């Protein structure tokens, strides 16, 4: 029963992290702001770190099966 929860959580984290990483890359590539009212470099950096953290959590959850 616990493996179902780990799979669900891992997939949610991985999808969120991947989506955030793709979205951030697209915004930076088109020279659009990642967050309004914040330094472009700082917002892109924080968003990328959050995406990588979410991907790492997703991988960690999926390896705990």
PDB file of N, CA and C in Angstrom:
ATOM      1  N   UNK A   1       0.811  -1.192   0.000  1.00  0.00           N
ATOM      2  CA  UNK A   1       0.000   0.000   0.000  1.00  0.00           C
ATOM      3  C   UNK A   1       0.860   1.264   0.000  1.00  0.00           C
ATOM      4  N   UNK A   2       2.001   1.225   0.685  1.00  0.00           N
ATOM      5  CA  UNK A   2       2.856   2.400   0.732  1.00  0.00           C
ATOM      6  C   UNK A   2       3.517   2.676  -0.605  1.00  0.00           C
ATOM      7  N   UNK A   3       3.706   1.665  -1.433  1.00  0.00           N
ATOM      8  CA  UNK A   3       4.362   1.895  -2.717  1.00  0.00           C
ATOM      9  C   UNK A   3       3.482   2.744  -3.637  1.00  0.00           C
ATOM     10  N   UNK A   4       2.178   2.601  -3.518  1.00  0.00           N
ATOM     11  CA  UNK A   4       1.283   3.422  -4.326  1.00  0.00           C
ATOM     12  C   UNK A   4       1.422   4.891  -3.993  1.00  0.00           C
ATOM     13  N   UNK A   5       1.551   5.217  -2.727  1.00  0.00           N
ATOM     14  CA  UNK A   5       1.744   6.608  -2.306  1.00  0.00           C
ATOM     15  C   UNK A   5       3.093   7.146  -2.770  1.00  0.00           C
ATOM     16  N   UNK A   6       4.121   6.306  -2.698  1.00  0.00           N
ATOM     17  CA  UNK A   6       5.452   6.735  -3.137  1.00  0.00           C
ATOM     18  C   UNK A   6       5.478   6.977  -4.648  1.00  0.00           C
ATOM     19  N   UNK A   7       4.798   6.128  -5.398  1.00  0.00           N
ATOM     20  CA  UNK A   7       4.740   6.314  -6.851  1.00  0.00           C
ATOM     21  C   UNK A   7       3.995   7.607  -7.172  1.00  0.00           C
ATOM     22  N   UNK A   8       2.870   7.828  -6.531  1.00  0.00           N
ATOM     23  CA  UNK A   8       2.088   9.039  -6.778  1.00  0.00           C
ATOM     24  C   UNK A   8       2.895  10.284  -6.436  1.00  0.00           C
ATOM     25  N   UNK A   9       3.505  10.316  -5.258  1.00  0.00           N
ATOM     26  CA  UNK A   9       4.278  11.480  -4.837  1.00  0.00           C
ATOM     27  C   UNK A   9       5.479  11.691  -5.760  1.00  0.00           C
ATOM     28  N   UNK A  10       6.151  10.616  -6.134  1.00  0.00           N
ATOM     29  CA  UNK A  10       7.296  10.729  -7.023  1.00  0.00           C
ATOM     30  C   UNK A  10       6.912  11.281  -8.373  1.00  0.00           C
ATOM     31  N   UNK A  11       5.804  10.824  -8.915  1.00  0.00           N
ATOM     32  CA  UNK A  11       5.354  11.330 -10.211  1.00  0.00           C
ATOM     33  C   UNK A  11       4.908  12.783 -10.135  1.00  0.00           C
ATOM     34  N   UNK A  12       4.249  13.152  -9.058  1.00  0.00           N
ATOM     35  CA  UNK A  12       3.822  14.548  -8.897  1.00  0.00           C
ATOM     36  C   UNK A  12       5.041  15.464  -8.808  1.00  0.00           C
ATOM     37  N   UNK A  13       6.016  15.100  -7.988  1.00  0.00           N
ATOM     38  CA  UNK A  13       7.230  15.911  -7.871  1.00  0.00           C
ATOM     39  C   UNK A  13       7.971  15.975  -9.203  1.00  0.00           C
ATOM     40  N   UNK A  14       8.092  14.847  -9.886  1.00  0.00           N
ATOM     41  CA  UNK A  14       8.819  14.823 -11.156  1.00  0.00           C
ATOM     42  C   UNK A  14       8.103  15.649 -12.224  1.00  0.00           C
ATOM     43  N   UNK A  15       6.790  15.537 -12.316  1.00  0.00           N
ATOM     44  CA  UNK A  15       6.051  16.325 -13.301  1.00  0.00           C
ATOM     45  C   UNK A  15       6.130  17.818 -13.004  1.00  0.00           C
ATOM     46  N   UNK A  16       5.992  18.177 -11.737  1.00  0.00           N
ATOM     47  CA  UNK A  16       6.085  19.587 -11.365  1.00  0.00           C
ATOM     48  C   UNK A  16       7.477  20.128 -11.656  1.00  0.00           C
ATOM     49  N   UNK A  17       8.502  19.393 -11.248  1.00  0.00           N
ATOM     50  CA  UNK A  17       9.878  19.846 -11.475  1.00  0.00           C
ATOM     51  C   UNK A  17      10.207  19.952 -12.953  1.00  0.00           C
ATOM     52  N   UNK A  18       9.800  18.966 -13.725  1.00  0.00           N
ATOM     53  CA  UNK A  18      10.048  19.014 -15.159  1.00  0.00           C
ATOM     54  C   UNK A  18       9.302  20.145 -15.830  1.00  0.00           C
ATOM     55  N   UNK A  19       8.047  20.328 -15.452  1.00  0.00           N
ATOM     56  CA  UNK A  19       7.259  21.414 -16.025  1.00  0.00           C
ATOM     57  C   UNK A  19       7.827  22.775 -15.671  1.00  0.00           C
ATOM     58  N   UNK A  20       8.232  22.949 -14.427  1.00  0.00           N
ATOM     59  CA  UNK A  20       8.809  24.222 -14.001  1.00  0.00           C
ATOM     60  C   UNK A  20      10.128  24.486 -14.707  1.00  0.00           C
ATOM     61  N   UNK A  21      10.925  23.441 -14.904  1.00  0.00           N
ATOM     62  CA  UNK A  21      12.202  23.609 -15.588  1.00  0.00           C
ATOM     63  C   UNK A  21      11.991  24.003 -17.057  1.00  0.00           C
ATOM     64  N   UNK A  22      11.055  23.354 -17.719  1.00  0.00           N
ATOM     65  CA  UNK A  22      10.764  23.682 -19.126  1.00  0.00           C
ATOM     66  C   UNK A  22      10.196  25.091 -19.233  1.00  0.00           C
ATOM     67  N   UNK A  23       9.279  25.440 -18.345  1.00  0.00           N
ATOM     68  CA  UNK A  23       8.673  26.768 -18.373  1.00  0.00           C
ATOM     69  C   UNK A  23       9.717  27.851 -18.129  1.00  0.00           C
ATOM     70  N   UNK A  24      10.596  27.632 -17.156  1.00  0.00           N
ATOM     71  CA  UNK A  24      11.640  28.607 -16.856  1.00  0.00           C
ATOM     72  C   UNK A  24      12.586  28.764 -18.039  1.00  0.00           C
ATOM     73  N   UNK A  25      12.967  27.663 -18.645  1.00  0.00           N
ATOM     74  CA  UNK A  25      13.862  27.729 -19.805  1.00  0.00           C
ATOM     75  C   UNK A  25      13.206  28.478 -20.964  1.00  0.00           C
ATOM     76  N   UNK A  26      11.924  28.248 -21.176  1.00  0.00           N
ATOM     77  CA  UNK A  26      11.222  28.943 -22.259  1.00  0.00           C
ATOM     78  C   UNK A  26      11.135  30.437 -21.981  1.00  0.00           C
ATOM     79  N   UNK A  27      10.869  30.817 -20.740  1.00  0.00           N
ATOM     80  CA  UNK A  27      10.785  32.241 -20.394  1.00  0.00           C
ATOM     81  C   UNK A  27      12.140  32.921 -20.561  1.00  0.00           C
ATOM     82  N   UNK A  28      13.204  32.254 -20.139  1.00  0.00           N
ATOM     83  CA  UNK A  28      14.540  32.836 -20.247  1.00  0.00           C
ATOM     84  C   UNK A  28      14.949  32.930 -21.718  1.00  0.00           C
ATOM     85  N   UNK A  29      14.658  31.904 -22.494  1.00  0.00           N
ATOM     86  CA  UNK A  29      15.030  31.889 -23.906  1.00  0.00           C
ATOM     87  C   UNK A  29      14.347  33.022 -24.679  1.00  0.00           C
ATOM     88  N   UNK A  30      13.121  33.340 -24.321  1.00  0.00           N
ATOM     89  CA  UNK A  30      12.380  34.399 -25.007  1.00  0.00           C
ATOM     90  C   UNK A  30      12.580  35.766 -24.344  1.00  0.00           C
ATOM     91  N   UNK A  31      13.488  35.798 -23.376  1.00  0.00           N
ATOM     92  CA  UNK A  31      13.804  37.018 -22.636  1.00  0.00           C
ATOM     93  C   UNK A  31      12.562  37.647 -21.991  1.00  0.00           C
ATOM     94  N   UNK A  32      11.704  36.810 -21.460  1.00  0.00           N
ATOM     95  CA  UNK A  32      10.516  37.236 -20.731  1.00  0.00           C
ATOM     96  C   UNK A  32      10.807  37.079 -19.235  1.00  0.00           C
ATOM     97  N   UNK A  33      10.156  37.852 -18.367  1.00  0.00           N
ATOM     98  CA  UNK A  33      10.418  37.720 -16.927  1.00  0.00           C
ATOM     99  C   UNK A  33       9.863  36.406 -16.369  1.00  0.00           C
ATOM    100  N   UNK A  34      10.618  35.813 -15.487  1.00  0.00           N
ATOM    101  CA  UNK A  34      10.159  34.593 -14.810  1.00  0.00           C
ATOM    102  C   UNK A  34       9.218  34.974 -13.677  1.00  0.00           C
ATOM    103  N   UNK A  35       9.529  36.056 -12.981  1.00  0.00           N
ATOM    104  CA  UNK A  35       8.666  36.592 -11.925  1.00  0.00           C
ATOM    105  C   UNK A  35       8.649  38.109 -12.060  1.00  0.00           C
ATOM    106  N   UNK A  36       7.489  38.694 -11.946  1.00  0.00           N
ATOM    107  CA  UNK A  36       7.369  40.138 -12.101  1.00  0.00           C
ATOM    108  C   UNK A  36       7.894  40.863 -10.872  1.00  0.00           C
ATOM    109  N   UNK A  37       8.639  41.935 -11.118  1.00  0.00           N
ATOM    110  CA  UNK A  37       9.127  42.762 -10.021  1.00  0.00           C
ATOM    111  C   UNK A  37      10.366  42.227  -9.329  1.00  0.00           C
ATOM    112  N   UNK A  38      11.014  41.223  -9.916  1.00  0.00           N
ATOM    113  CA  UNK A  38      12.200  40.626  -9.306  1.00  0.00           C
ATOM    114  C   UNK A  38      13.302  40.641 -10.358  1.00  0.00           C
ATOM    115  N   UNK A  39      14.530  40.645  -9.915  1.00  0.00           N
ATOM    116  CA  UNK A  39      15.662  40.583 -10.834  1.00  0.00           C
ATOM    117  C   UNK A  39      15.537  39.351 -11.736  1.00  0.00           C
ATOM    118  N   UNK A  40      15.726  39.495 -13.042  1.00  0.00           N
ATOM    119  CA  UNK A  40      15.598  38.349 -13.950  1.00  0.00           C
ATOM    120  C   UNK A  40      16.564  37.211 -13.619  1.00  0.00           C
ATOM    121  N   UNK A  41      17.769  37.555 -13.243  1.00  0.00           N
ATOM    122  CA  UNK A  41      18.750  36.514 -12.915  1.00  0.00           C
ATOM    123  C   UNK A  41      18.353  35.792 -11.633  1.00  0.00           C
ATOM    124  N   UNK A  42      17.948  36.542 -10.623  1.00  0.00           N
ATOM    125  CA  UNK A  42      17.569  35.930  -9.352  1.00  0.00           C
ATOM    126  C   UNK A  42      16.336  35.051  -9.501  1.00  0.00           C
ATOM    127  N   UNK A  43      15.334  35.530 -10.231  1.00  0.00           N
ATOM    128  CA  UNK A  43      14.111  34.732 -10.374  1.00  0.00           C
ATOM    129  C   UNK A  43      14.355  33.474 -11.188  1.00  0.00           C
ATOM    130  N   UNK A  44      15.174  33.564 -12.229  1.00  0.00           N
ATOM    131  CA  UNK A  44      15.493  32.373 -13.021  1.00  0.00           C
ATOM    132  C   UNK A  44      16.306  31.372 -12.197  1.00  0.00           C
ATOM    133  N   UNK A  45      17.200  31.882 -11.378  1.00  0.00           N
ATOM    134  CA  UNK A  45      18.013  31.007 -10.534  1.00  0.00           C
ATOM    135  C   UNK A  45      17.161  30.283  -9.494  1.00  0.00           C
ATOM    136  N   UNK A  46      16.302  31.022  -8.831  1.00  0.00           N
ATOM    137  CA  UNK A  46      15.452  30.417  -7.796  1.00  0.00           C
ATOM    138  C   UNK A  46      14.484  29.409  -8.415  1.00  0.00           C
ATOM    139  N   UNK A  47      13.909  29.745  -9.560  1.00  0.00           N
ATOM    140  CA  UNK A  47      12.982  28.822 -10.219  1.00  0.00           C
ATOM    141  C   UNK A  47      13.702  27.562 -10.676  1.00  0.00           C
ATOM    142  N   UNK A  48      14.916  27.702 -11.186  1.00  0.00           N
ATOM    143  CA  UNK A  48      15.685  26.531 -11.607  1.00  0.00           C
ATOM    144  C   UNK A  48      16.053  25.654 -10.419  1.00  0.00           C
ATOM    145  N   UNK A  49      16.458  26.272  -9.328  1.00  0.00           N
ATOM    146  CA  UNK A  49      16.788  25.488  -8.122  1.00  0.00           C
ATOM    147  C   UNK A  49      15.559  24.766  -7.579  1.00  0.00           C
ATOM    148  N   UNK A  50      14.412  25.427  -7.587  1.00  0.00           N
ATOM    149  CA  UNK A  50      13.179  24.780  -7.124  1.00  0.00           C
ATOM    150  C   UNK A  50      12.812  23.610  -8.033  1.00  0.00           C
ATOM    151  N   UNK A  51      12.997  23.778  -9.335  1.00  0.00           N
ATOM    152  CA  UNK A  51      12.694  22.696 -10.274  1.00  0.00           C
ATOM    153  C   UNK A  51      13.629  21.511 -10.055  1.00  0.00           C
ATOM    154  N   UNK A  52      14.910  21.778  -9.869  1.00  0.00           N
ATOM    155  CA  UNK A  52      15.861  20.691  -9.639  1.00  0.00           C
ATOM    156  C   UNK A  52      15.599  19.987  -8.310  1.00  0.00           C
ATOM    157  N   UNK A  53      15.205  20.749  -7.304  1.00  0.00           N
ATOM    158  CA  UNK A  53      14.866  20.152  -6.017  1.00  0.00           C
ATOM    159  C   UNK A  53      13.640  19.245  -6.145  1.00  0.00           C
ATOM    160  N   UNK A  54      12.634  19.697  -6.875  1.00  0.00           N
ATOM    161  CA  UNK A  54      11.436  18.882  -7.078  1.00  0.00           C
ATOM    162  C   UNK A  54      11.767  17.614  -7.865  1.00  0.00           C
ATOM    163  N   UNK A  55      12.613  17.734  -8.883  1.00  0.00           N
ATOM    164  CA  UNK A  55      13.022  16.542  -9.633  1.00  0.00           C
ATOM    165  C   UNK A  55      13.800  15.568  -8.750  1.00  0.00           C
ATOM    166  N   UNK A  56      14.674  16.105  -7.911  1.00  0.00           N
ATOM    167  CA  UNK A  56      15.439  15.241  -7.004  1.00  0.00           C
ATOM    168  C   UNK A  56      14.510  14.540  -6.008  1.00  0.00           C
ATOM    169  N   UNK A  57      13.519  15.244  -5.496  1.00  0.00           N
ATOM    170  CA  UNK A  57      12.558  14.618  -4.581  1.00  0.00           C
ATOM    171  C   UNK A  57      11.744  13.542  -5.297  1.00  0.00           C
ATOM    172  N   UNK A  58      11.387  13.801  -6.547  1.00  0.00           N
ATOM    173  CA  UNK A  58      10.660  12.802  -7.323  1.00  0.00           C
ATOM    174  C   UNK A  58      11.480  11.540  -7.534  1.00  0.00           C
ATOM    175  N   UNK A  59      12.737  11.715  -7.870  1.00  0.00           N
ATOM    176  CA  UNK A  59      13.614  10.557  -8.051  1.00  0.00           C
ATOM    177  C   UNK A  59      13.797   9.823  -6.731  1.00  0.00           C
ATOM    178  N   UNK A  60      13.971  10.578  -5.656  1.00  0.00           N
ATOM    179  CA  UNK A  60      14.143   9.944  -4.345  1.00  0.00           C
ATOM    180  C   UNK A  60      12.899   9.127  -3.962  1.00  0.00           C
ATOM    181  N   UNK A  61      11.715   9.688  -4.191  1.00  0.00           N
ATOM    182  CA  UNK A  61      10.487   8.964  -3.873  1.00  0.00           C
ATOM    183  C   UNK A  61      10.366   7.693  -4.712  1.00  0.00           C
ATOM    184  N   UNK A  62      10.728   7.794  -5.978  1.00  0.00           N
ATOM    185  CA  UNK A  62      10.588   6.629  -6.856  1.00  0.00           C
ATOM    186  C   UNK A  62      11.635   5.550  -6.564  1.00  0.00           C
ATOM    187  N   UNK A  63      12.757   5.920  -5.974  1.00  0.00           N
ATOM    188  CA  UNK A  63      13.750   4.898  -5.618  1.00  0.00           C
ATOM    189  C   UNK A  63      13.448   4.240  -4.282  1.00  0.00           C
ATOM    190  N   UNK A  64      12.489   4.744  -3.541  1.00  0.00           N
ATOM    191  CA  UNK A  64      12.121   4.177  -2.238  1.00  0.00           C
ATOM    192  C   UNK A  64      11.051   3.090  -2.339  1.00  0.00           C
ATOM    193  N   UNK A  65      10.790   2.610  -3.516  1.00  0.00           N
ATOM    194  CA  UNK A  65       9.747   1.588  -3.677  1.00  0.00           C
ATOM    195  C   UNK A  65      10.188   0.317  -3.093  1.00  0.00           C
TER     196      UNK A  65
END
